[in-house]
Amino acid sequence: MNTDPLFDTTFLRQRIRTVPDWPSPGIQFRDITPLLQDPRAFRVLVEAFVLRYMAAEIDLVAGIDARGFILGSVVAHQLNRGFIPVRKKGKLPFTTVAEEYELEYGNATVEIHTDAVAAGQRVLLIDDLIATGGTMMAAARLLQRLDATVVEAAAIVDLPELGGSTLLKEAGLAVFTVCDFAGH
């Protein structure tokens, strides 16, 4: 979570809607669309990421399908860096490398183009939230398999009780989130 004393996450947290029992009973879905719809909040969010990474040695920004595309592409643009889409299986038209991972209810696969990153490039990985960490971990492994360095795994929201940020840190990844929400 962002621990910068000059950055108050309350403004952004108030614009993240909680939808109870979606997509299944007992789940508290954290919906970022109201945050994105508010032009001031969206700007504050993007600036939080840009200010964090503007002096960092980053070659590319990778955004995870689908909400990670929104933030990741804007941050890449603002940092004057290229953007890599990490897509769900079967969505990319060129030669890909794939990584399967476990979900609470089955398995899923993410892919990137084999030429998306060159060996040694430094990549910022972005998604909307970190829950169990499976998707973020799979995306990081894809980049690492192509000999890139994942500088940091970043997200708007952390759901710490689900253990994803801990999993990522235990795997040696630096993690940054703007805010966290208790419960899931």
N, C-alpha and C. Protein backbone atom coordinates (compact mmCIF):
# COMPACT_ATOMS: atom_id res chain seq x y z
N MET A 1 0.84 -1.18 0.00
CA MET A 1 0.00 0.00 0.00
C MET A 1 0.88 1.23 0.00
N ASN A 2 0.40 2.30 -0.58
CA ASN A 2 1.13 3.56 -0.62
C ASN A 2 1.27 4.10 0.80
N THR A 3 2.50 4.27 1.23
CA THR A 3 2.74 4.76 2.59
C THR A 3 3.32 6.17 2.59
N ASP A 4 3.30 6.84 1.44
CA ASP A 4 3.78 8.21 1.36
C ASP A 4 2.88 9.10 2.22
N PRO A 5 3.44 9.78 3.24
CA PRO A 5 2.61 10.60 4.12
C PRO A 5 1.97 11.79 3.41
N LEU A 6 2.47 12.16 2.24
CA LEU A 6 1.89 13.28 1.50
C LEU A 6 0.73 12.85 0.60
N PHE A 7 0.51 11.55 0.51
CA PHE A 7 -0.53 11.04 -0.37
C PHE A 7 -1.64 10.43 0.45
N ASP A 8 -2.80 11.05 0.44
CA ASP A 8 -3.96 10.55 1.17
C ASP A 8 -4.81 9.72 0.22
N THR A 9 -4.94 8.44 0.50
CA THR A 9 -5.69 7.55 -0.40
C THR A 9 -7.20 7.63 -0.19
N THR A 10 -7.66 8.37 0.80
CA THR A 10 -9.10 8.45 1.09
C THR A 10 -9.89 8.90 -0.13
N PHE A 11 -9.40 9.92 -0.82
CA PHE A 11 -10.08 10.45 -2.00
C PHE A 11 -10.33 9.35 -3.04
N LEU A 12 -9.32 8.54 -3.29
CA LEU A 12 -9.46 7.46 -4.28
C LEU A 12 -10.30 6.30 -3.74
N ARG A 13 -10.07 5.92 -2.50
CA ARG A 13 -10.83 4.83 -1.89
C ARG A 13 -12.34 5.09 -1.95
N GLN A 14 -12.74 6.34 -1.74
CA GLN A 14 -14.16 6.70 -1.75
C GLN A 14 -14.79 6.52 -3.13
N ARG A 15 -13.98 6.42 -4.16
CA ARG A 15 -14.49 6.27 -5.51
C ARG A 15 -14.39 4.84 -6.02
N ILE A 16 -14.04 3.92 -5.15
CA ILE A 16 -14.03 2.50 -5.49
C ILE A 16 -15.27 1.88 -4.87
N ARG A 17 -16.15 1.41 -5.72
CA ARG A 17 -17.44 0.87 -5.28
C ARG A 17 -17.28 -0.58 -4.84
N THR A 18 -17.94 -0.95 -3.75
CA THR A 18 -17.98 -2.34 -3.31
C THR A 18 -19.33 -2.92 -3.71
N VAL A 19 -19.27 -4.01 -4.48
CA VAL A 19 -20.48 -4.69 -4.93
C VAL A 19 -20.55 -6.02 -4.18
N PRO A 20 -21.48 -6.14 -3.21
CA PRO A 20 -21.56 -7.39 -2.44
C PRO A 20 -22.09 -8.55 -3.27
N ASP A 21 -21.57 -9.73 -2.95
CA ASP A 21 -22.04 -10.99 -3.54
C ASP A 21 -21.92 -11.03 -5.06
N TRP A 22 -20.84 -10.45 -5.59
CA TRP A 22 -20.60 -10.52 -7.03
C TRP A 22 -19.14 -10.85 -7.27
N PRO A 23 -18.81 -11.81 -8.08
CA PRO A 23 -19.66 -12.60 -8.98
C PRO A 23 -20.32 -13.80 -8.31
N SER A 24 -20.04 -14.01 -7.01
CA SER A 24 -20.69 -15.12 -6.31
C SER A 24 -20.92 -14.72 -4.86
N PRO A 25 -21.80 -15.42 -4.16
CA PRO A 25 -22.12 -15.07 -2.77
C PRO A 25 -20.87 -15.04 -1.88
N GLY A 26 -20.81 -14.02 -1.05
CA GLY A 26 -19.69 -13.87 -0.12
C GLY A 26 -18.54 -13.03 -0.63
N ILE A 27 -18.52 -12.76 -1.94
CA ILE A 27 -17.44 -11.95 -2.52
C ILE A 27 -17.84 -10.48 -2.44
N GLN A 28 -16.89 -9.66 -2.02
CA GLN A 28 -17.05 -8.20 -2.02
C GLN A 28 -16.23 -7.66 -3.19
N PHE A 29 -16.86 -7.46 -4.34
CA PHE A 29 -16.14 -7.04 -5.54
C PHE A 29 -15.78 -5.56 -5.44
N ARG A 30 -14.52 -5.23 -5.67
CA ARG A 30 -14.04 -3.84 -5.63
C ARG A 30 -14.02 -3.32 -7.06
N ASP A 31 -14.98 -2.46 -7.36
CA ASP A 31 -15.22 -1.96 -8.70
C ASP A 31 -14.55 -0.60 -8.88
N ILE A 32 -13.57 -0.53 -9.79
CA ILE A 32 -12.84 0.72 -10.00
C ILE A 32 -13.51 1.63 -11.03
N THR A 33 -14.60 1.20 -11.67
CA THR A 33 -15.17 2.02 -12.74
C THR A 33 -15.63 3.40 -12.26
N PRO A 34 -16.20 3.58 -11.05
CA PRO A 34 -16.53 4.94 -10.62
C PRO A 34 -15.28 5.83 -10.50
N LEU A 35 -14.17 5.27 -10.08
CA LEU A 35 -12.92 6.01 -10.00
C LEU A 35 -12.49 6.47 -11.39
N LEU A 36 -12.60 5.59 -12.39
CA LEU A 36 -12.22 5.93 -13.75
C LEU A 36 -13.17 6.94 -14.39
N GLN A 37 -14.42 6.94 -13.97
CA GLN A 37 -15.42 7.85 -14.53
C GLN A 37 -15.26 9.27 -14.01
N ASP A 38 -14.61 9.44 -12.88
CA ASP A 38 -14.40 10.76 -12.28
C ASP A 38 -13.08 11.30 -12.82
N PRO A 39 -13.11 12.32 -13.68
CA PRO A 39 -11.88 12.78 -14.32
C PRO A 39 -10.81 13.23 -13.31
N ARG A 40 -11.22 13.86 -12.24
CA ARG A 40 -10.25 14.31 -11.23
C ARG A 40 -9.61 13.11 -10.53
N ALA A 41 -10.43 12.14 -10.14
CA ALA A 41 -9.91 10.96 -9.45
C ALA A 41 -8.99 10.15 -10.38
N PHE A 42 -9.38 10.02 -11.63
CA PHE A 42 -8.56 9.28 -12.59
C PHE A 42 -7.20 9.96 -12.74
N ARG A 43 -7.20 11.29 -12.82
CA ARG A 43 -5.95 12.03 -12.93
C ARG A 43 -5.09 11.84 -11.68
N VAL A 44 -5.70 11.93 -10.51
CA VAL A 44 -4.94 11.73 -9.25
C VAL A 44 -4.34 10.33 -9.22
N LEU A 45 -5.11 9.34 -9.63
CA LEU A 45 -4.62 7.95 -9.67
C LEU A 45 -3.42 7.81 -10.60
N VAL A 46 -3.57 8.30 -11.82
CA VAL A 46 -2.47 8.20 -12.79
C VAL A 46 -1.24 8.93 -12.26
N GLU A 47 -1.43 10.11 -11.70
CA GLU A 47 -0.30 10.87 -11.17
C GLU A 47 0.41 10.14 -10.03
N ALA A 48 -0.33 9.40 -9.23
CA ALA A 48 0.29 8.62 -8.15
C ALA A 48 1.29 7.62 -8.72
N PHE A 49 0.92 6.98 -9.82
CA PHE A 49 1.81 6.01 -10.45
C PHE A 49 2.95 6.72 -11.20
N VAL A 50 2.63 7.78 -11.92
CA VAL A 50 3.65 8.49 -12.69
C VAL A 50 4.71 9.06 -11.76
N LEU A 51 4.29 9.70 -10.68
CA LEU A 51 5.26 10.26 -9.74
C LEU A 51 6.14 9.18 -9.12
N ARG A 52 5.56 8.01 -8.86
CA ARG A 52 6.35 6.92 -8.29
C ARG A 52 7.41 6.42 -9.26
N TYR A 53 7.08 6.35 -10.54
CA TYR A 53 7.96 5.69 -11.50
C TYR A 53 8.70 6.62 -12.46
N MET A 54 8.49 7.91 -12.39
CA MET A 54 9.08 8.81 -13.38
C MET A 54 10.61 8.80 -13.35
N ALA A 55 11.22 8.53 -12.23
CA ALA A 55 12.69 8.49 -12.16
C ALA A 55 13.22 7.05 -12.15
N ALA A 56 12.32 6.08 -12.22
CA ALA A 56 12.73 4.68 -12.18
C ALA A 56 13.28 4.24 -13.53
N GLU A 57 14.17 3.28 -13.49
CA GLU A 57 14.70 2.71 -14.73
C GLU A 57 13.72 1.66 -15.24
N ILE A 58 12.82 2.11 -16.10
CA ILE A 58 11.78 1.25 -16.67
C ILE A 58 11.81 1.42 -18.18
N ASP A 59 11.80 0.30 -18.89
CA ASP A 59 11.77 0.34 -20.35
C ASP A 59 10.36 0.22 -20.90
N LEU A 60 9.53 -0.58 -20.24
CA LEU A 60 8.19 -0.88 -20.70
C LEU A 60 7.23 -1.00 -19.53
N VAL A 61 5.94 -0.82 -19.83
CA VAL A 61 4.88 -1.07 -18.85
C VAL A 61 4.02 -2.19 -19.41
N ALA A 62 3.75 -3.21 -18.61
CA ALA A 62 2.88 -4.32 -19.00
C ALA A 62 1.59 -4.23 -18.20
N GLY A 63 0.46 -4.25 -18.88
CA GLY A 63 -0.84 -4.22 -18.24
C GLY A 63 -1.55 -5.54 -18.43
N ILE A 64 -2.20 -6.00 -17.37
CA ILE A 64 -2.86 -7.31 -17.39
C ILE A 64 -4.33 -7.16 -17.81
N ASP A 65 -4.75 -8.03 -18.71
CA ASP A 65 -6.10 -8.10 -19.25
C ASP A 65 -7.12 -8.17 -18.12
N ALA A 66 -8.07 -7.35 -18.07
CA ALA A 66 -8.42 -6.26 -18.97
C ALA A 66 -8.26 -4.91 -18.29
N ARG A 67 -8.59 -4.79 -17.01
CA ARG A 67 -8.52 -3.48 -16.37
C ARG A 67 -7.10 -2.96 -16.21
N GLY A 68 -6.12 -3.85 -16.21
CA GLY A 68 -4.73 -3.41 -16.18
C GLY A 68 -4.32 -2.69 -17.46
N PHE A 69 -5.07 -2.93 -18.55
CA PHE A 69 -4.80 -2.21 -19.80
C PHE A 69 -5.10 -0.72 -19.63
N ILE A 70 -6.16 -0.42 -18.91
CA ILE A 70 -6.60 0.97 -18.77
C ILE A 70 -5.52 1.79 -18.09
N LEU A 71 -5.15 1.38 -16.91
CA LEU A 71 -4.15 2.13 -16.15
C LEU A 71 -2.77 1.99 -16.77
N GLY A 72 -2.40 0.77 -17.15
CA GLY A 72 -1.06 0.53 -17.68
C GLY A 72 -0.75 1.33 -18.92
N SER A 73 -1.69 1.42 -19.85
CA SER A 73 -1.42 2.16 -21.08
C SER A 73 -1.30 3.65 -20.83
N VAL A 74 -2.11 4.19 -19.93
CA VAL A 74 -2.03 5.61 -19.61
C VAL A 74 -0.71 5.92 -18.90
N VAL A 75 -0.32 5.08 -17.96
CA VAL A 75 0.95 5.28 -17.25
C VAL A 75 2.12 5.16 -18.23
N ALA A 76 2.08 4.18 -19.13
CA ALA A 76 3.13 4.04 -20.13
C ALA A 76 3.23 5.31 -20.98
N HIS A 77 2.10 5.82 -21.41
CA HIS A 77 2.07 7.04 -22.21
C HIS A 77 2.69 8.21 -21.43
N GLN A 78 2.28 8.38 -20.19
CA GLN A 78 2.78 9.49 -19.38
C GLN A 78 4.27 9.36 -19.08
N LEU A 79 4.76 8.14 -18.99
CA LEU A 79 6.19 7.91 -18.74
C LEU A 79 7.01 7.87 -20.03
N ASN A 80 6.33 7.98 -21.17
CA ASN A 80 6.97 7.89 -22.48
C ASN A 80 7.67 6.53 -22.64
N ARG A 81 6.95 5.49 -22.31
CA ARG A 81 7.44 4.11 -22.44
C ARG A 81 6.46 3.31 -23.29
N GLY A 82 6.93 2.19 -23.81
CA GLY A 82 6.07 1.31 -24.57
C GLY A 82 5.15 0.52 -23.65
N PHE A 83 4.13 -0.07 -24.24
CA PHE A 83 3.13 -0.83 -23.48
C PHE A 83 3.04 -2.26 -24.00
N ILE A 84 2.98 -3.22 -23.08
CA ILE A 84 2.81 -4.64 -23.41
C ILE A 84 1.47 -5.12 -22.86
N PRO A 85 0.57 -5.60 -23.72
CA PRO A 85 -0.65 -6.20 -23.20
C PRO A 85 -0.41 -7.66 -22.80
N VAL A 86 -0.75 -7.99 -21.58
CA VAL A 86 -0.74 -9.38 -21.11
C VAL A 86 -2.18 -9.85 -21.25
N ARG A 87 -2.42 -10.75 -22.21
CA ARG A 87 -3.78 -11.10 -22.60
C ARG A 87 -4.20 -12.47 -22.10
N LYS A 88 -5.51 -12.67 -22.06
CA LYS A 88 -6.06 -13.99 -21.82
C LYS A 88 -5.76 -14.85 -23.03
N LYS A 89 -5.70 -16.14 -22.82
CA LYS A 89 -5.33 -17.09 -23.88
C LYS A 89 -6.20 -16.92 -25.13
N GLY A 90 -5.51 -16.96 -26.28
CA GLY A 90 -6.20 -16.93 -27.55
C GLY A 90 -6.55 -15.56 -28.08
N LYS A 91 -6.09 -14.49 -27.46
CA LYS A 91 -6.46 -13.13 -27.88
C LYS A 91 -5.38 -12.41 -28.67
N LEU A 92 -4.17 -12.96 -28.73
CA LEU A 92 -3.08 -12.31 -29.44
C LEU A 92 -2.84 -12.98 -30.79
N PRO A 93 -2.58 -12.20 -31.85
CA PRO A 93 -2.51 -12.75 -33.20
C PRO A 93 -1.16 -13.31 -33.63
N PHE A 94 -0.11 -13.06 -32.88
CA PHE A 94 1.24 -13.45 -33.29
C PHE A 94 1.72 -14.58 -32.39
N THR A 95 2.94 -15.03 -32.57
CA THR A 95 3.52 -16.09 -31.75
C THR A 95 3.57 -15.64 -30.30
N THR A 96 3.11 -16.52 -29.41
CA THR A 96 3.02 -16.14 -28.00
C THR A 96 3.76 -17.13 -27.10
N VAL A 97 3.97 -16.69 -25.89
CA VAL A 97 4.42 -17.56 -24.80
C VAL A 97 3.30 -17.49 -23.77
N ALA A 98 2.98 -18.63 -23.16
CA ALA A 98 1.82 -18.71 -22.27
C ALA A 98 2.23 -19.20 -20.89
N GLU A 99 1.42 -18.82 -19.92
CA GLU A 99 1.62 -19.26 -18.53
C GLU A 99 0.26 -19.57 -17.93
N GLU A 100 0.11 -20.81 -17.45
CA GLU A 100 -1.14 -21.21 -16.81
C GLU A 100 -1.02 -20.98 -15.31
N TYR A 101 -2.14 -20.63 -14.69
CA TYR A 101 -2.16 -20.41 -13.25
C TYR A 101 -3.50 -20.86 -12.70
N GLU A 102 -3.53 -21.04 -11.39
CA GLU A 102 -4.74 -21.52 -10.72
C GLU A 102 -5.60 -20.37 -10.23
N LEU A 103 -6.90 -20.55 -10.37
CA LEU A 103 -7.89 -19.66 -9.80
C LEU A 103 -8.60 -20.41 -8.68
N GLU A 104 -9.42 -19.70 -7.96
CA GLU A 104 -10.18 -20.36 -6.88
C GLU A 104 -11.11 -21.43 -7.44
N TYR A 105 -11.49 -21.29 -8.70
CA TYR A 105 -12.50 -22.16 -9.31
C TYR A 105 -12.00 -22.88 -10.56
N GLY A 106 -10.69 -22.95 -10.78
CA GLY A 106 -10.17 -23.63 -11.96
C GLY A 106 -8.83 -23.08 -12.37
N ASN A 107 -8.52 -23.17 -13.64
CA ASN A 107 -7.26 -22.67 -14.18
C ASN A 107 -7.53 -21.63 -15.26
N ALA A 108 -6.52 -20.79 -15.49
CA ALA A 108 -6.59 -19.80 -16.56
C ALA A 108 -5.19 -19.68 -17.15
N THR A 109 -5.11 -19.02 -18.29
CA THR A 109 -3.83 -18.86 -18.97
C THR A 109 -3.72 -17.42 -19.47
N VAL A 110 -2.53 -16.84 -19.30
CA VAL A 110 -2.23 -15.53 -19.88
C VAL A 110 -1.08 -15.70 -20.87
N GLU A 111 -1.04 -14.78 -21.85
CA GLU A 111 -0.04 -14.85 -22.90
C GLU A 111 0.50 -13.46 -23.22
N ILE A 112 1.72 -13.43 -23.76
CA ILE A 112 2.27 -12.24 -24.39
C ILE A 112 2.96 -12.68 -25.68
N HIS A 113 3.15 -11.73 -26.58
CA HIS A 113 3.90 -12.02 -27.80
C HIS A 113 5.35 -12.32 -27.44
N THR A 114 5.95 -13.23 -28.17
CA THR A 114 7.33 -13.61 -27.89
C THR A 114 8.31 -12.46 -28.12
N ASP A 115 7.91 -11.49 -28.94
CA ASP A 115 8.78 -10.35 -29.20
C ASP A 115 8.35 -9.09 -28.43
N ALA A 116 7.54 -9.26 -27.40
CA ALA A 116 7.03 -8.12 -26.63
C ALA A 116 8.10 -7.42 -25.82
N VAL A 117 9.12 -8.16 -25.45
CA VAL A 117 10.17 -7.62 -24.59
C VAL A 117 11.49 -8.26 -24.99
N ALA A 118 12.55 -7.48 -24.90
CA ALA A 118 13.89 -8.01 -25.20
C ALA A 118 14.58 -8.39 -23.90
N ALA A 119 15.50 -9.33 -24.00
CA ALA A 119 16.27 -9.76 -22.82
C ALA A 119 16.91 -8.55 -22.16
N GLY A 120 16.77 -8.48 -20.84
CA GLY A 120 17.37 -7.41 -20.07
C GLY A 120 16.50 -6.19 -19.88
N GLN A 121 15.39 -6.09 -20.61
CA GLN A 121 14.53 -4.92 -20.43
C GLN A 121 13.85 -4.96 -19.07
N ARG A 122 13.61 -3.77 -18.54
CA ARG A 122 13.01 -3.61 -17.21
C ARG A 122 11.55 -3.21 -17.39
N VAL A 123 10.67 -3.99 -16.75
CA VAL A 123 9.23 -3.85 -16.98
C VAL A 123 8.49 -3.58 -15.68
N LEU A 124 7.58 -2.60 -15.73
CA LEU A 124 6.64 -2.34 -14.65
C LEU A 124 5.38 -3.11 -14.99
N LEU A 125 4.89 -3.94 -14.07
CA LEU A 125 3.70 -4.77 -14.29
C LEU A 125 2.53 -4.16 -13.52
N ILE A 126 1.42 -3.89 -14.21
CA ILE A 126 0.27 -3.20 -13.59
C ILE A 126 -1.03 -3.96 -13.82
N ASP A 127 -1.85 -4.01 -12.75
CA ASP A 127 -3.21 -4.52 -12.83
C ASP A 127 -4.10 -3.65 -11.94
N ASP A 128 -5.40 -3.91 -11.96
CA ASP A 128 -6.29 -3.10 -11.14
C ASP A 128 -6.23 -3.48 -9.66
N LEU A 129 -6.11 -4.80 -9.39
CA LEU A 129 -6.03 -5.20 -7.98
C LEU A 129 -5.26 -6.49 -7.82
N ILE A 130 -4.79 -6.70 -6.61
CA ILE A 130 -4.11 -7.94 -6.25
C ILE A 130 -5.00 -8.67 -5.26
N ALA A 131 -5.48 -9.84 -5.65
CA ALA A 131 -6.30 -10.68 -4.77
C ALA A 131 -5.43 -11.86 -4.33
N THR A 132 -5.54 -12.98 -5.02
CA THR A 132 -4.73 -14.15 -4.66
C THR A 132 -3.32 -14.08 -5.26
N GLY A 133 -3.12 -13.16 -6.20
CA GLY A 133 -1.81 -12.97 -6.81
C GLY A 133 -1.52 -13.87 -7.98
N GLY A 134 -2.42 -14.79 -8.32
CA GLY A 134 -2.16 -15.75 -9.39
C GLY A 134 -1.93 -15.13 -10.75
N THR A 135 -2.76 -14.19 -11.13
CA THR A 135 -2.62 -13.56 -12.44
C THR A 135 -1.34 -12.75 -12.52
N MET A 136 -1.08 -11.96 -11.49
CA MET A 136 0.12 -11.13 -11.46
C MET A 136 1.39 -12.01 -11.48
N MET A 137 1.35 -13.11 -10.73
CA MET A 137 2.50 -14.01 -10.68
C MET A 137 2.73 -14.66 -12.05
N ALA A 138 1.66 -15.07 -12.71
CA ALA A 138 1.78 -15.68 -14.03
C ALA A 138 2.34 -14.68 -15.03
N ALA A 139 1.88 -13.44 -14.98
CA ALA A 139 2.38 -12.41 -15.88
C ALA A 139 3.86 -12.14 -15.62
N ALA A 140 4.24 -12.09 -14.36
CA ALA A 140 5.65 -11.88 -14.02
C ALA A 140 6.51 -13.04 -14.56
N ARG A 141 6.02 -14.26 -14.41
CA ARG A 141 6.77 -15.42 -14.92
C ARG A 141 6.93 -15.36 -16.44
N LEU A 142 5.90 -14.90 -17.14
CA LEU A 142 6.00 -14.75 -18.60
C LEU A 142 7.14 -13.80 -18.96
N LEU A 143 7.16 -12.66 -18.31
CA LEU A 143 8.20 -11.67 -18.59
C LEU A 143 9.58 -12.21 -18.24
N GLN A 144 9.67 -12.90 -17.12
CA GLN A 144 10.95 -13.47 -16.70
C GLN A 144 11.42 -14.57 -17.65
N ARG A 145 10.49 -15.34 -18.20
CA ARG A 145 10.84 -16.38 -19.16
C ARG A 145 11.45 -15.79 -20.43
N LEU A 146 11.11 -14.54 -20.73
CA LEU A 146 11.68 -13.85 -21.88
C LEU A 146 12.90 -13.02 -21.47
N ASP A 147 13.41 -13.29 -20.27
CA ASP A 147 14.62 -12.66 -19.72
C ASP A 147 14.48 -11.17 -19.44
N ALA A 148 13.27 -10.73 -19.15
CA ALA A 148 13.05 -9.36 -18.71
C ALA A 148 13.12 -9.32 -17.19
N THR A 149 13.29 -8.13 -16.65
CA THR A 149 13.28 -7.93 -15.20
C THR A 149 11.99 -7.21 -14.84
N VAL A 150 11.23 -7.78 -13.93
CA VAL A 150 10.02 -7.11 -13.44
C VAL A 150 10.46 -6.18 -12.32
N VAL A 151 10.38 -4.88 -12.57
CA VAL A 151 10.82 -3.87 -11.61
C VAL A 151 9.91 -3.86 -10.39
N GLU A 152 8.60 -3.92 -10.65
CA GLU A 152 7.63 -3.91 -9.56
C GLU A 152 6.29 -4.41 -10.08
N ALA A 153 5.53 -5.03 -9.19
CA ALA A 153 4.15 -5.42 -9.46
C ALA A 153 3.28 -4.37 -8.79
N ALA A 154 2.51 -3.64 -9.57
CA ALA A 154 1.75 -2.51 -9.05
C ALA A 154 0.26 -2.68 -9.33
N ALA A 155 -0.56 -2.17 -8.42
CA ALA A 155 -2.01 -2.24 -8.59
C ALA A 155 -2.66 -1.09 -7.84
N ILE A 156 -3.90 -0.83 -8.18
CA ILE A 156 -4.66 0.19 -7.46
C ILE A 156 -5.02 -0.33 -6.08
N VAL A 157 -5.56 -1.55 -6.02
CA VAL A 157 -6.12 -2.12 -4.79
C VAL A 157 -5.39 -3.40 -4.40
N ASP A 158 -5.14 -3.54 -3.11
CA ASP A 158 -4.65 -4.79 -2.54
C ASP A 158 -5.75 -5.35 -1.64
N LEU A 159 -6.00 -6.64 -1.77
CA LEU A 159 -6.91 -7.35 -0.87
C LEU A 159 -6.02 -8.26 -0.01
N PRO A 160 -5.41 -7.70 1.04
CA PRO A 160 -4.36 -8.42 1.78
C PRO A 160 -4.80 -9.74 2.39
N GLU A 161 -6.06 -9.87 2.76
CA GLU A 161 -6.52 -11.11 3.39
C GLU A 161 -6.48 -12.30 2.44
N LEU A 162 -6.43 -12.04 1.13
CA LEU A 162 -6.36 -13.12 0.16
C LEU A 162 -4.93 -13.57 -0.11
N GLY A 163 -3.95 -12.84 0.40
CA GLY A 163 -2.56 -13.28 0.39
C GLY A 163 -1.77 -13.06 -0.89
N GLY A 164 -2.34 -12.40 -1.87
CA GLY A 164 -1.63 -12.22 -3.14
C GLY A 164 -0.38 -11.39 -3.04
N SER A 165 -0.44 -10.26 -2.34
CA SER A 165 0.75 -9.42 -2.25
C SER A 165 1.86 -10.13 -1.47
N THR A 166 1.48 -10.92 -0.48
CA THR A 166 2.47 -11.71 0.25
C THR A 166 3.12 -12.75 -0.66
N LEU A 167 2.30 -13.43 -1.45
CA LEU A 167 2.81 -14.42 -2.42
C LEU A 167 3.82 -13.79 -3.36
N LEU A 168 3.49 -12.62 -3.89
CA LEU A 168 4.37 -11.93 -4.83
C LEU A 168 5.68 -11.53 -4.16
N LYS A 169 5.59 -11.01 -2.95
CA LYS A 169 6.80 -10.61 -2.22
C LYS A 169 7.67 -11.83 -1.91
N GLU A 170 7.04 -12.93 -1.52
CA GLU A 170 7.80 -14.15 -1.23
C GLU A 170 8.49 -14.69 -2.48
N ALA A 171 7.96 -14.35 -3.67
CA ALA A 171 8.57 -14.76 -4.93
C ALA A 171 9.67 -13.78 -5.36
N GLY A 172 9.92 -12.78 -4.53
CA GLY A 172 10.99 -11.83 -4.82
C GLY A 172 10.58 -10.60 -5.60
N LEU A 173 9.28 -10.38 -5.77
CA LEU A 173 8.82 -9.20 -6.49
C LEU A 173 8.53 -8.05 -5.53
N ALA A 174 8.93 -6.87 -5.91
CA ALA A 174 8.53 -5.67 -5.18
C ALA A 174 7.07 -5.40 -5.53
N VAL A 175 6.29 -4.94 -4.55
CA VAL A 175 4.86 -4.72 -4.75
C VAL A 175 4.50 -3.30 -4.30
N PHE A 176 3.68 -2.63 -5.13
CA PHE A 176 3.16 -1.32 -4.78
C PHE A 176 1.66 -1.31 -5.06
N THR A 177 0.88 -0.86 -4.09
CA THR A 177 -0.55 -0.64 -4.29
C THR A 177 -0.90 0.73 -3.71
N VAL A 178 -1.91 1.32 -4.29
CA VAL A 178 -2.34 2.65 -3.84
C VAL A 178 -3.12 2.54 -2.53
N CYS A 179 -4.01 1.55 -2.44
CA CYS A 179 -4.81 1.38 -1.22
C CYS A 179 -5.17 -0.09 -1.03
N ASP A 180 -5.60 -0.41 0.17
CA ASP A 180 -6.04 -1.78 0.42
C ASP A 180 -7.42 -1.76 1.04
N PHE A 181 -8.08 -2.91 0.93
CA PHE A 181 -9.42 -3.08 1.49
C PHE A 181 -9.41 -4.36 2.32
N ALA A 182 -9.83 -4.26 3.56
CA ALA A 182 -9.98 -5.44 4.39
C ALA A 182 -11.13 -6.27 3.86
N GLY A 183 -11.06 -7.54 4.06
CA GLY A 183 -12.09 -8.44 3.53
C GLY A 183 -11.82 -8.72 2.08
N HIS A 184 -12.69 -9.44 1.46
CA HIS A 184 -12.51 -9.75 0.05
C HIS A 184 -13.82 -9.69 -0.66
